[in-house]
Amino acid sequence: MKFMDILKSPVFPRGHRWPFEKRKTQYESDVTALVRKMLEDESIQRDQRFAWDRWRADEHATNR
């Protein structure tokens, strides 16, 4: 798989704070709540999907 069109990672302004809230019905750490909130952002979803697809297509990753 060739990656001719490299996806630009999202850039957020310095000091950007993610307004996350932990789940009330079950235990959730601050980090898990933050990651869950960040993945709601479409630009981060695209970036992570691209990174995952690139890693899966890397022939060296399967030989480890």
Protein backbone atom coordinates (compact mmCIF):
# COMPACT_ATOMS: atom_id res chain seq x y z
CA MET A 1 0.00 0.00 0.00
CA LYS A 2 1.43 3.37 -1.02
CA PHE A 3 0.78 6.50 0.96
CA MET A 4 1.12 9.24 -1.62
CA ASP A 5 -1.24 11.61 0.19
CA ILE A 6 0.14 12.02 3.68
CA LEU A 7 -2.54 13.24 6.03
CA LYS A 8 -1.69 16.38 8.00
CA SER A 9 -2.11 15.84 11.72
CA PRO A 10 -4.50 18.25 13.42
CA VAL A 11 -2.92 21.23 15.18
CA PHE A 12 -4.66 22.87 18.11
CA PRO A 13 -3.87 26.28 19.59
CA ARG A 14 -1.44 26.44 22.49
CA GLY A 15 -3.22 26.05 25.80
CA HIS A 16 -6.23 24.27 24.26
CA ARG A 17 -8.16 22.52 27.03
CA TRP A 18 -10.42 19.57 26.33
CA PRO A 19 -13.66 19.90 28.30
CA PHE A 20 -14.10 16.26 29.30
CA GLU A 21 -16.42 14.75 31.86
CA LYS A 22 -16.06 11.35 33.45
CA ARG A 23 -18.89 8.85 33.23
CA LYS A 24 -21.14 8.86 36.27
CA THR A 25 -22.45 5.29 35.99
CA GLN A 26 -19.08 3.54 36.17
CA TYR A 27 -15.45 4.16 37.08
CA GLU A 28 -13.43 6.00 34.47
CA SER A 29 -9.99 7.57 34.83
CA ASP A 30 -9.25 11.13 33.76
CA VAL A 31 -7.04 9.87 30.93
CA THR A 32 -9.72 7.54 29.56
CA ALA A 33 -12.31 10.31 29.68
CA LEU A 34 -9.91 12.70 27.92
CA VAL A 35 -9.11 10.21 25.14
CA ARG A 36 -12.80 9.43 24.68
CA LYS A 37 -13.55 13.15 24.33
CA MET A 38 -10.63 13.71 21.93
CA LEU A 39 -11.84 10.90 19.67
CA GLU A 40 -15.13 12.75 19.23
CA ASP A 41 -13.17 15.30 17.15
CA GLU A 42 -13.41 14.27 13.48
CA SER A 43 -9.90 15.48 12.59
CA ILE A 44 -8.39 13.30 15.31
CA GLN A 45 -10.47 10.33 14.18
CA ARG A 46 -9.14 10.70 10.62
CA ASP A 47 -5.57 11.08 11.88
CA GLN A 48 -5.77 7.98 14.07
CA ARG A 49 -7.44 5.92 11.32
CA PHE A 50 -4.67 6.92 8.89
CA ALA A 51 -1.98 6.01 11.45
CA TRP A 52 -3.64 2.64 12.10
CA ASP A 53 -3.96 1.83 8.38
CA ARG A 54 -0.36 2.85 7.77
CA TRP A 55 0.88 0.67 10.64
CA ARG A 56 -1.18 -2.29 9.39
CA ALA A 57 0.23 -1.89 5.87
CA ASP A 58 3.84 -1.76 7.11
CA GLU A 59 5.46 -5.06 6.19
CA HIS A 60 7.98 -4.71 9.01
CA ALA A 61 5.24 -4.54 11.66
CA THR A 62 4.05 -8.05 10.85
CA ASN A 63 7.55 -9.54 11.09
CA ARG A 64 8.12 -8.52 14.71
